[in-house]
Amino acid sequence: MTPNKAPPDRAQTTVPGFRDYPVRDGVVRVFNSNPHSDDASDMYVLEVFGISVLVRLRTTRTHPASRPQVFLHVDNEDREPSSLAVEVANGGETHYRI
């Protein structure tokens, strides 16, 4: 088995370019990286509780040859507008409206 590929009985292929991996009340969707973009890795999207959390590595526009940066994006897909509490590296919570 190669990395990012689940056995056929666990992964559900949807369309070329990504695969869905069901997990309890959600799904992890893995998108192939695009060599014609700022992608420096595949993209992982966790969809659960009506929100989606996207994580990927990307090159920076100012220093494309530098070490890729971690990019995190959160979207409110199916929930009523609410608050989101985020904590990074034990630095305390920051609250957002989503």
PDB file of N, CA and C in Angstrom:
ATOM      1  N   MET A   1       0.855  -1.174   0.000  1.00  0.00           N
ATOM      2  CA  MET A   1       0.000   0.000   0.000  1.00  0.00           C
ATOM      3  C   MET A   1       0.900   1.235   0.000  1.00  0.00           C
ATOM      4  N   THR A   2       0.608   2.218  -0.830  1.00  0.00           N
ATOM      5  CA  THR A   2       1.368   3.456  -0.881  1.00  0.00           C
ATOM      6  C   THR A   2       0.752   4.480   0.054  1.00  0.00           C
ATOM      7  N   PRO A   3       1.552   5.480   0.509  1.00  0.00           N
ATOM      8  CA  PRO A   3       0.975   6.507   1.390  1.00  0.00           C
ATOM      9  C   PRO A   3      -0.195   7.215   0.711  1.00  0.00           C
ATOM     10  N   ASN A   4      -1.166   7.647   1.508  1.00  0.00           N
ATOM     11  CA  ASN A   4      -2.344   8.383   1.044  1.00  0.00           C
ATOM     12  C   ASN A   4      -3.308   7.532   0.234  1.00  0.00           C
ATOM     13  N   LYS A   5      -3.084   6.242   0.183  1.00  0.00           N
ATOM     14  CA  LYS A   5      -4.013   5.381  -0.555  1.00  0.00           C
ATOM     15  C   LYS A   5      -4.522   4.312   0.404  1.00  0.00           C
ATOM     16  N   ALA A   6      -5.785   4.317   0.653  1.00  0.00           N
ATOM     17  CA  ALA A   6      -6.387   3.300   1.519  1.00  0.00           C
ATOM     18  C   ALA A   6      -6.713   2.079   0.682  1.00  0.00           C
ATOM     19  N   PRO A   7      -6.837   0.930   1.332  1.00  0.00           N
ATOM     20  CA  PRO A   7      -7.258  -0.259   0.586  1.00  0.00           C
ATOM     21  C   PRO A   7      -8.602   0.006  -0.085  1.00  0.00           C
ATOM     22  N   PRO A   8      -8.876  -0.626  -1.226  1.00  0.00           N
ATOM     23  CA  PRO A   8     -10.114  -0.349  -1.966  1.00  0.00           C
ATOM     24  C   PRO A   8     -11.383  -0.499  -1.143  1.00  0.00           C
ATOM     25  N   ASP A   9     -11.384  -1.390  -0.151  1.00  0.00           N
ATOM     26  CA  ASP A   9     -12.599  -1.564   0.633  1.00  0.00           C
ATOM     27  C   ASP A   9     -12.815  -0.426   1.639  1.00  0.00           C
ATOM     28  N   ARG A  10     -11.822   0.421   1.891  1.00  0.00           N
ATOM     29  CA  ARG A  10     -11.971   1.512   2.852  1.00  0.00           C
ATOM     30  C   ARG A  10     -12.096   2.865   2.166  1.00  0.00           C
ATOM     31  N   ALA A  11     -11.523   3.037   1.015  1.00  0.00           N
ATOM     32  CA  ALA A  11     -11.569   4.330   0.331  1.00  0.00           C
ATOM     33  C   ALA A  11     -12.667   4.308  -0.710  1.00  0.00           C
ATOM     34  N   GLN A  12     -13.249   5.461  -0.909  1.00  0.00           N
ATOM     35  CA  GLN A  12     -14.329   5.575  -1.878  1.00  0.00           C
ATOM     36  C   GLN A  12     -13.898   6.600  -2.921  1.00  0.00           C
ATOM     37  N   THR A  13     -13.632   6.156  -4.119  1.00  0.00           N
ATOM     38  CA  THR A  13     -13.214   7.073  -5.161  1.00  0.00           C
ATOM     39  C   THR A  13     -14.426   7.839  -5.666  1.00  0.00           C
ATOM     40  N   THR A  14     -14.290   9.154  -5.786  1.00  0.00           N
ATOM     41  CA  THR A  14     -15.417   9.965  -6.234  1.00  0.00           C
ATOM     42  C   THR A  14     -15.151  10.495  -7.638  1.00  0.00           C
ATOM     43  N   VAL A  15     -14.187  11.341  -7.813  1.00  0.00           N
ATOM     44  CA  VAL A  15     -13.782  11.806  -9.137  1.00  0.00           C
ATOM     45  C   VAL A  15     -12.267  11.854  -9.155  1.00  0.00           C
ATOM     46  N   PRO A  16     -11.643  11.854 -10.335  1.00  0.00           N
ATOM     47  CA  PRO A  16     -10.186  11.935 -10.378  1.00  0.00           C
ATOM     48  C   PRO A  16      -9.697  13.186  -9.649  1.00  0.00           C
ATOM     49  N   GLY A  17      -8.624  13.037  -8.893  1.00  0.00           N
ATOM     50  CA  GLY A  17      -8.051  14.179  -8.198  1.00  0.00           C
ATOM     51  C   GLY A  17      -8.271  14.149  -6.704  1.00  0.00           C
ATOM     52  N   PHE A  18      -9.259  13.410  -6.213  1.00  0.00           N
ATOM     53  CA  PHE A  18      -9.399  13.272  -4.766  1.00  0.00           C
ATOM     54  C   PHE A  18     -10.073  11.960  -4.404  1.00  0.00           C
ATOM     55  N   ARG A  19      -9.877  11.587  -3.132  1.00  0.00           N
ATOM     56  CA  ARG A  19     -10.495  10.376  -2.585  1.00  0.00           C
ATOM     57  C   ARG A  19     -11.131  10.724  -1.262  1.00  0.00           C
ATOM     58  N   ASP A  20     -12.238  10.073  -0.951  1.00  0.00           N
ATOM     59  CA  ASP A  20     -12.931  10.236   0.314  1.00  0.00           C
ATOM     60  C   ASP A  20     -12.610   9.059   1.225  1.00  0.00           C
ATOM     61  N   TYR A  21     -12.371   9.379   2.507  1.00  0.00           N
ATOM     62  CA  TYR A  21     -12.134   8.381   3.534  1.00  0.00           C
ATOM     63  C   TYR A  21     -13.143   8.625   4.659  1.00  0.00           C
ATOM     64  N   PRO A  22     -14.220   7.866   4.719  1.00  0.00           N
ATOM     65  CA  PRO A  22     -15.224   8.073   5.770  1.00  0.00           C
ATOM     66  C   PRO A  22     -14.631   7.784   7.153  1.00  0.00           C
ATOM     67  N   VAL A  23     -14.950   8.644   8.115  1.00  0.00           N
ATOM     68  CA  VAL A  23     -14.537   8.464   9.508  1.00  0.00           C
ATOM     69  C   VAL A  23     -15.701   8.842  10.411  1.00  0.00           C
ATOM     70  N   ARG A  24     -16.266   7.918  11.108  1.00  0.00           N
ATOM     71  CA  ARG A  24     -17.408   8.105  12.008  1.00  0.00           C
ATOM     72  C   ARG A  24     -18.428   9.084  11.455  1.00  0.00           C
ATOM     73  N   ASP A  25     -18.522  10.298  12.029  1.00  0.00           N
ATOM     74  CA  ASP A  25     -19.537  11.275  11.608  1.00  0.00           C
ATOM     75  C   ASP A  25     -19.028  12.242  10.551  1.00  0.00           C
ATOM     76  N   GLY A  26     -17.903  11.953   9.943  1.00  0.00           N
ATOM     77  CA  GLY A  26     -17.336  12.882   8.973  1.00  0.00           C
ATOM     78  C   GLY A  26     -16.659  12.163   7.831  1.00  0.00           C
ATOM     79  N   VAL A  27     -15.864  12.925   7.117  1.00  0.00           N
ATOM     80  CA  VAL A  27     -15.105  12.385   6.002  1.00  0.00           C
ATOM     81  C   VAL A  27     -13.791  13.174   5.892  1.00  0.00           C
ATOM     82  N   VAL A  28     -12.733  12.468   5.549  1.00  0.00           N
ATOM     83  CA  VAL A  28     -11.474  13.118   5.201  1.00  0.00           C
ATOM     84  C   VAL A  28     -11.347  13.002   3.699  1.00  0.00           C
ATOM     85  N   ARG A  29     -11.199  14.122   3.040  1.00  0.00           N
ATOM     86  CA  ARG A  29     -11.078  14.158   1.588  1.00  0.00           C
ATOM     87  C   ARG A  29      -9.638  14.558   1.269  1.00  0.00           C
ATOM     88  N   VAL A  30      -8.958  13.745   0.472  1.00  0.00           N
ATOM     89  CA  VAL A  30      -7.568  14.000   0.108  1.00  0.00           C
ATOM     90  C   VAL A  30      -7.517  14.371  -1.368  1.00  0.00           C
ATOM     91  N   PHE A  31      -7.040  15.597  -1.630  1.00  0.00           N
ATOM     92  CA  PHE A  31      -6.898  16.106  -2.996  1.00  0.00           C
ATOM     93  C   PHE A  31      -5.450  16.007  -3.424  1.00  0.00           C
ATOM     94  N   ASN A  32      -5.224  15.602  -4.657  1.00  0.00           N
ATOM     95  CA  ASN A  32      -3.874  15.568  -5.199  1.00  0.00           C
ATOM     96  C   ASN A  32      -3.322  16.982  -5.332  1.00  0.00           C
ATOM     97  N   SER A  33      -2.034  17.122  -5.112  1.00  0.00           N
ATOM     98  CA  SER A  33      -1.415  18.436  -5.301  1.00  0.00           C
ATOM     99  C   SER A  33      -1.444  18.817  -6.774  1.00  0.00           C
ATOM    100  N   ASN A  34      -1.411  20.105  -7.010  1.00  0.00           N
ATOM    101  CA  ASN A  34      -1.433  20.629  -8.374  1.00  0.00           C
ATOM    102  C   ASN A  34      -0.080  21.267  -8.658  1.00  0.00           C
ATOM    103  N   PRO A  35       0.706  20.704  -9.573  1.00  0.00           N
ATOM    104  CA  PRO A  35       2.038  21.249  -9.839  1.00  0.00           C
ATOM    105  C   PRO A  35       2.005  22.649 -10.458  1.00  0.00           C
ATOM    106  N   HIS A  36       0.843  23.096 -10.920  1.00  0.00           N
ATOM    107  CA  HIS A  36       0.722  24.415 -11.539  1.00  0.00           C
ATOM    108  C   HIS A  36       0.168  25.456 -10.567  1.00  0.00           C
ATOM    109  N   SER A  37       0.266  25.179  -9.263  1.00  0.00           N
ATOM    110  CA  SER A  37      -0.231  26.104  -8.251  1.00  0.00           C
ATOM    111  C   SER A  37       0.840  26.273  -7.175  1.00  0.00           C
ATOM    112  N   ASP A  38       0.454  26.872  -6.062  1.00  0.00           N
ATOM    113  CA  ASP A  38       1.399  27.021  -4.953  1.00  0.00           C
ATOM    114  C   ASP A  38       1.371  25.811  -4.024  1.00  0.00           C
ATOM    115  N   ASP A  39       0.734  24.711  -4.443  1.00  0.00           N
ATOM    116  CA  ASP A  39       0.695  23.491  -3.635  1.00  0.00           C
ATOM    117  C   ASP A  39       2.104  22.946  -3.432  1.00  0.00           C
ATOM    118  N   ALA A  40       2.415  22.594  -2.184  1.00  0.00           N
ATOM    119  CA  ALA A  40       3.665  21.909  -1.886  1.00  0.00           C
ATOM    120  C   ALA A  40       3.376  20.529  -1.296  1.00  0.00           C
ATOM    121  N   SER A  41       2.090  20.161  -1.276  1.00  0.00           N
ATOM    122  CA  SER A  41       1.674  18.853  -0.762  1.00  0.00           C
ATOM    123  C   SER A  41       0.268  18.570  -1.274  1.00  0.00           C
ATOM    124  N   ASP A  42      -0.197  17.356  -0.994  1.00  0.00           N
ATOM    125  CA  ASP A  42      -1.607  17.075  -1.182  1.00  0.00           C
ATOM    126  C   ASP A  42      -2.389  17.930  -0.192  1.00  0.00           C
ATOM    127  N   MET A  43      -3.682  18.065  -0.393  1.00  0.00           N
ATOM    128  CA  MET A  43      -4.534  18.847   0.496  1.00  0.00           C
ATOM    129  C   MET A  43      -5.477  17.886   1.207  1.00  0.00           C
ATOM    130  N   TYR A  44      -5.606  18.072   2.520  1.00  0.00           N
ATOM    131  CA  TYR A  44      -6.460  17.235   3.352  1.00  0.00           C
ATOM    132  C   TYR A  44      -7.594  18.090   3.888  1.00  0.00           C
ATOM    133  N   VAL A  45      -8.825  17.638   3.693  1.00  0.00           N
ATOM    134  CA  VAL A  45      -9.993  18.378   4.157  1.00  0.00           C
ATOM    135  C   VAL A  45     -10.808  17.456   5.054  1.00  0.00           C
ATOM    136  N   LEU A  46     -10.968  17.888   6.303  1.00  0.00           N
ATOM    137  CA  LEU A  46     -11.820  17.179   7.239  1.00  0.00           C
ATOM    138  C   LEU A  46     -13.172  17.869   7.235  1.00  0.00           C
ATOM    139  N   GLU A  47     -14.230  17.129   6.931  1.00  0.00           N
ATOM    140  CA  GLU A  47     -15.595  17.663   6.965  1.00  0.00           C
ATOM    141  C   GLU A  47     -16.345  16.945   8.066  1.00  0.00           C
ATOM    142  N   VAL A  48     -16.710  17.716   9.117  1.00  0.00           N
ATOM    143  CA  VAL A  48     -17.411  17.151  10.267  1.00  0.00           C
ATOM    144  C   VAL A  48     -18.115  18.281  11.016  1.00  0.00           C
ATOM    145  N   PHE A  49     -19.239  17.983  11.655  1.00  0.00           N
ATOM    146  CA  PHE A  49     -20.017  18.955  12.431  1.00  0.00           C
ATOM    147  C   PHE A  49     -20.450  20.165  11.610  1.00  0.00           C
ATOM    148  N   GLY A  50     -20.569  20.014  10.307  1.00  0.00           N
ATOM    149  CA  GLY A  50     -21.012  21.109   9.451  1.00  0.00           C
ATOM    150  C   GLY A  50     -19.927  22.102   9.087  1.00  0.00           C
ATOM    151  N   ILE A  51     -18.678  21.803   9.438  1.00  0.00           N
ATOM    152  CA  ILE A  51     -17.573  22.682   9.038  1.00  0.00           C
ATOM    153  C   ILE A  51     -16.556  21.869   8.249  1.00  0.00           C
ATOM    154  N   SER A  52     -15.708  22.556   7.521  1.00  0.00           N
ATOM    155  CA  SER A  52     -14.599  21.897   6.838  1.00  0.00           C
ATOM    156  C   SER A  52     -13.308  22.568   7.264  1.00  0.00           C
ATOM    157  N   VAL A  53     -12.298  21.730   7.501  1.00  0.00           N
ATOM    158  CA  VAL A  53     -10.976  22.197   7.891  1.00  0.00           C
ATOM    159  C   VAL A  53      -9.999  21.684   6.851  1.00  0.00           C
ATOM    160  N   LEU A  54      -9.364  22.605   6.149  1.00  0.00           N
ATOM    161  CA  LEU A  54      -8.434  22.280   5.070  1.00  0.00           C
ATOM    162  C   LEU A  54      -7.022  22.489   5.594  1.00  0.00           C
ATOM    163  N   VAL A  55      -6.129  21.526   5.336  1.00  0.00           N
ATOM    164  CA  VAL A  55      -4.728  21.635   5.728  1.00  0.00           C
ATOM    165  C   VAL A  55      -3.872  21.226   4.540  1.00  0.00           C
ATOM    166  N   ARG A  56      -2.877  22.053   4.252  1.00  0.00           N
ATOM    167  CA  ARG A  56      -1.932  21.714   3.178  1.00  0.00           C
ATOM    168  C   ARG A  56      -0.644  22.478   3.393  1.00  0.00           C
ATOM    169  N   LEU A  57       0.379  22.091   2.684  1.00  0.00           N
ATOM    170  CA  LEU A  57       1.612  22.863   2.623  1.00  0.00           C
ATOM    171  C   LEU A  57       1.584  23.657   1.329  1.00  0.00           C
ATOM    172  N   ARG A  58       2.082  24.902   1.394  1.00  0.00           N
ATOM    173  CA  ARG A  58       2.121  25.708   0.179  1.00  0.00           C
ATOM    174  C   ARG A  58       3.420  26.491   0.133  1.00  0.00           C
ATOM    175  N   THR A  59       3.836  26.805  -1.078  1.00  0.00           N
ATOM    176  CA  THR A  59       4.993  27.676  -1.245  1.00  0.00           C
ATOM    177  C   THR A  59       4.522  29.112  -1.054  1.00  0.00           C
ATOM    178  N   THR A  60       5.417  29.966  -0.656  1.00  0.00           N
ATOM    179  CA  THR A  60       5.038  31.365  -0.485  1.00  0.00           C
ATOM    180  C   THR A  60       5.363  32.121  -1.759  1.00  0.00           C
ATOM    181  N   ARG A  61       4.564  33.107  -2.067  1.00  0.00           N
ATOM    182  CA  ARG A  61       4.781  33.897  -3.287  1.00  0.00           C
ATOM    183  C   ARG A  61       6.042  34.748  -3.183  1.00  0.00           C
ATOM    184  N   THR A  62       6.342  35.208  -1.969  1.00  0.00           N
ATOM    185  CA  THR A  62       7.515  36.076  -1.822  1.00  0.00           C
ATOM    186  C   THR A  62       8.819  35.299  -1.861  1.00  0.00           C
ATOM    187  N   HIS A  63       8.814  34.063  -1.363  1.00  0.00           N
ATOM    188  CA  HIS A  63      10.021  33.231  -1.349  1.00  0.00           C
ATOM    189  C   HIS A  63       9.679  31.819  -1.808  1.00  0.00           C
ATOM    190  N   PRO A  64       9.434  31.623  -3.111  1.00  0.00           N
ATOM    191  CA  PRO A  64       8.965  30.319  -3.591  1.00  0.00           C
ATOM    192  C   PRO A  64       9.932  29.168  -3.311  1.00  0.00           C
ATOM    193  N   ALA A  65      11.227  29.446  -3.154  1.00  0.00           N
ATOM    194  CA  ALA A  65      12.196  28.371  -2.916  1.00  0.00           C
ATOM    195  C   ALA A  65      12.372  28.087  -1.428  1.00  0.00           C
ATOM    196  N   SER A  66      11.707  28.826  -0.566  1.00  0.00           N
ATOM    197  CA  SER A  66      11.853  28.628   0.876  1.00  0.00           C
ATOM    198  C   SER A  66      11.057  27.410   1.340  1.00  0.00           C
ATOM    199  N   ARG A  67      11.225  27.069   2.584  1.00  0.00           N
ATOM    200  CA  ARG A  67      10.504  25.944   3.165  1.00  0.00           C
ATOM    201  C   ARG A  67       8.999  26.199   3.068  1.00  0.00           C
ATOM    202  N   PRO A  68       8.215  25.208   2.631  1.00  0.00           N
ATOM    203  CA  PRO A  68       6.768  25.413   2.519  1.00  0.00           C
ATOM    204  C   PRO A  68       6.140  25.766   3.868  1.00  0.00           C
ATOM    205  N   GLN A  69       5.098  26.570   3.829  1.00  0.00           N
ATOM    206  CA  GLN A  69       4.397  26.932   5.050  1.00  0.00           C
ATOM    207  C   GLN A  69       3.135  26.095   5.180  1.00  0.00           C
ATOM    208  N   VAL A  70       2.725  25.874   6.426  1.00  0.00           N
ATOM    209  CA  VAL A  70       1.484  25.171   6.692  1.00  0.00           C
ATOM    210  C   VAL A  70       0.346  26.171   6.498  1.00  0.00           C
ATOM    211  N   PHE A  71      -0.655  25.783   5.721  1.00  0.00           N
ATOM    212  CA  PHE A  71      -1.822  26.621   5.473  1.00  0.00           C
ATOM    213  C   PHE A  71      -3.036  25.891   6.027  1.00  0.00           C
ATOM    214  N   LEU A  72      -3.844  26.601   6.806  1.00  0.00           N
ATOM    215  CA  LEU A  72      -5.042  26.038   7.411  1.00  0.00           C
ATOM    216  C   LEU A  72      -6.209  26.957   7.074  1.00  0.00           C
ATOM    217  N   HIS A  73      -7.318  26.374   6.625  1.00  0.00           N
ATOM    218  CA  HIS A  73      -8.503  27.150   6.252  1.00  0.00           C
ATOM    219  C   HIS A  73      -9.730  26.470   6.851  1.00  0.00           C
ATOM    220  N   VAL A  74     -10.614  27.240   7.471  1.00  0.00           N
ATOM    221  CA  VAL A  74     -11.833  26.704   8.077  1.00  0.00           C
ATOM    222  C   VAL A  74     -13.025  27.378   7.427  1.00  0.00           C
ATOM    223  N   ASP A  75     -14.013  26.583   7.028  1.00  0.00           N
ATOM    224  CA  ASP A  75     -15.246  27.090   6.425  1.00  0.00           C
ATOM    225  C   ASP A  75     -16.447  26.553   7.164  1.00  0.00           C
ATOM    226  N   ASN A  76     -17.474  27.390   7.283  1.00  0.00           N
ATOM    227  CA  ASN A  76     -18.757  26.970   7.826  1.00  0.00           C
ATOM    228  C   ASN A  76     -19.594  26.519   6.639  1.00  0.00           C
ATOM    229  N   GLU A  77     -19.730  25.221   6.487  1.00  0.00           N
ATOM    230  CA  GLU A  77     -20.424  24.682   5.324  1.00  0.00           C
ATOM    231  C   GLU A  77     -21.924  24.543   5.550  1.00  0.00           C
ATOM    232  N   ASP A  78     -22.318  23.974   6.681  1.00  0.00           N
ATOM    233  CA  ASP A  78     -23.719  23.604   6.881  1.00  0.00           C
ATOM    234  C   ASP A  78     -24.282  24.007   8.237  1.00  0.00           C
ATOM    235  N   ARG A  79     -23.598  24.828   8.991  1.00  0.00           N
ATOM    236  CA  ARG A  79     -24.077  25.224  10.308  1.00  0.00           C
ATOM    237  C   ARG A  79     -24.659  26.624  10.258  1.00  0.00           C
ATOM    238  N   GLU A  80     -25.507  26.911  11.207  1.00  0.00           N
ATOM    239  CA  GLU A  80     -25.935  28.297  11.392  1.00  0.00           C
ATOM    240  C   GLU A  80     -24.689  29.106  11.764  1.00  0.00           C
ATOM    241  N   PRO A  81     -24.668  30.408  11.475  1.00  0.00           N
ATOM    242  CA  PRO A  81     -23.521  31.211  11.900  1.00  0.00           C
ATOM    243  C   PRO A  81     -23.272  31.023  13.401  1.00  0.00           C
ATOM    244  N   SER A  82     -22.016  30.819  13.751  1.00  0.00           N
ATOM    245  CA  SER A  82     -21.668  30.594  15.148  1.00  0.00           C
ATOM    246  C   SER A  82     -20.238  31.054  15.393  1.00  0.00           C
ATOM    247  N   SER A  83     -19.738  30.779  16.579  1.00  0.00           N
ATOM    248  CA  SER A  83     -18.368  31.172  16.891  1.00  0.00           C
ATOM    249  C   SER A  83     -17.443  29.970  16.763  1.00  0.00           C
ATOM    250  N   LEU A  84     -16.195  30.269  16.518  1.00  0.00           N
ATOM    251  CA  LEU A  84     -15.153  29.257  16.393  1.00  0.00           C
ATOM    252  C   LEU A  84     -14.016  29.681  17.307  1.00  0.00           C
ATOM    253  N   ALA A  85     -13.598  28.800  18.192  1.00  0.00           N
ATOM    254  CA  ALA A  85     -12.458  29.065  19.065  1.00  0.00           C
ATOM    255  C   ALA A  85     -11.272  28.282  18.526  1.00  0.00           C
ATOM    256  N   VAL A  86     -10.144  28.960  18.308  1.00  0.00           N
ATOM    257  CA  VAL A  86      -8.942  28.341  17.765  1.00  0.00           C
ATOM    258  C   VAL A  86      -7.773  28.627  18.700  1.00  0.00           C
ATOM    259  N   GLU A  87      -7.014  27.599  18.991  1.00  0.00           N
ATOM    260  CA  GLU A  87      -5.801  27.782  19.780  1.00  0.00           C
ATOM    261  C   GLU A  87      -4.645  27.203  18.996  1.00  0.00           C
ATOM    262  N   VAL A  88      -3.549  27.947  18.904  1.00  0.00           N
ATOM    263  CA  VAL A  88      -2.365  27.513  18.169  1.00  0.00           C
ATOM    264  C   VAL A  88      -1.191  27.455  19.140  1.00  0.00           C
ATOM    265  N   ALA A  89      -0.571  26.299  19.240  1.00  0.00           N
ATOM    266  CA  ALA A  89       0.633  26.101  20.046  1.00  0.00           C
ATOM    267  C   ALA A  89       0.489  26.627  21.476  1.00  0.00           C
ATOM    268  N   ASN A  90      -0.643  26.339  22.104  1.00  0.00           N
ATOM    269  CA  ASN A  90      -0.899  26.754  23.490  1.00  0.00           C
ATOM    270  C   ASN A  90      -0.789  28.260  23.690  1.00  0.00           C
ATOM    271  N   GLY A  91      -1.084  29.035  22.642  1.00  0.00           N
ATOM    272  CA  GLY A  91      -0.974  30.484  22.718  1.00  0.00           C
ATOM    273  C   GLY A  91      -2.253  31.185  23.147  1.00  0.00           C
ATOM    274  N   GLY A  92      -3.225  30.452  23.636  1.00  0.00           N
ATOM    275  CA  GLY A  92      -4.495  31.046  24.020  1.00  0.00           C
ATOM    276  C   GLY A  92      -5.478  31.007  22.866  1.00  0.00           C
ATOM    277  N   GLU A  93      -6.734  31.075  23.206  1.00  0.00           N
ATOM    278  CA  GLU A  93      -7.782  30.997  22.183  1.00  0.00           C
ATOM    279  C   GLU A  93      -8.004  32.328  21.483  1.00  0.00           C
ATOM    280  N   THR A  94      -8.276  32.239  20.202  1.00  0.00           N
ATOM    281  CA  THR A  94      -8.756  33.367  19.415  1.00  0.00           C
ATOM    282  C   THR A  94     -10.127  32.959  18.906  1.00  0.00           C
ATOM    283  N   HIS A  95     -11.088  33.879  18.992  1.00  0.00           N
ATOM    284  CA  HIS A  95     -12.458  33.578  18.593  1.00  0.00           C
ATOM    285  C   HIS A  95     -12.797  34.258  17.282  1.00  0.00           C
ATOM    286  N   TYR A  96     -13.499  33.521  16.427  1.00  0.00           N
ATOM    287  CA  TYR A  96     -13.919  34.004  15.106  1.00  0.00           C
ATOM    288  C   TYR A  96     -15.402  33.747  14.937  1.00  0.00           C
ATOM    289  N   ARG A  97     -16.072  34.537  14.115  1.00  0.00           N
ATOM    290  CA  ARG A  97     -17.452  34.261  13.705  1.00  0.00           C
ATOM    291  C   ARG A  97     -17.374  33.528  12.373  1.00  0.00           C
ATOM    292  N   ILE A  98     -18.048  32.389  12.305  1.00  0.00           N
ATOM    293  CA  ILE A  98     -18.083  31.648  11.037  1.00  0.00           C
ATOM    294  C   ILE A  98     -19.515  31.369  10.670  1.00  0.00           C
TER     295      ILE A  98
END
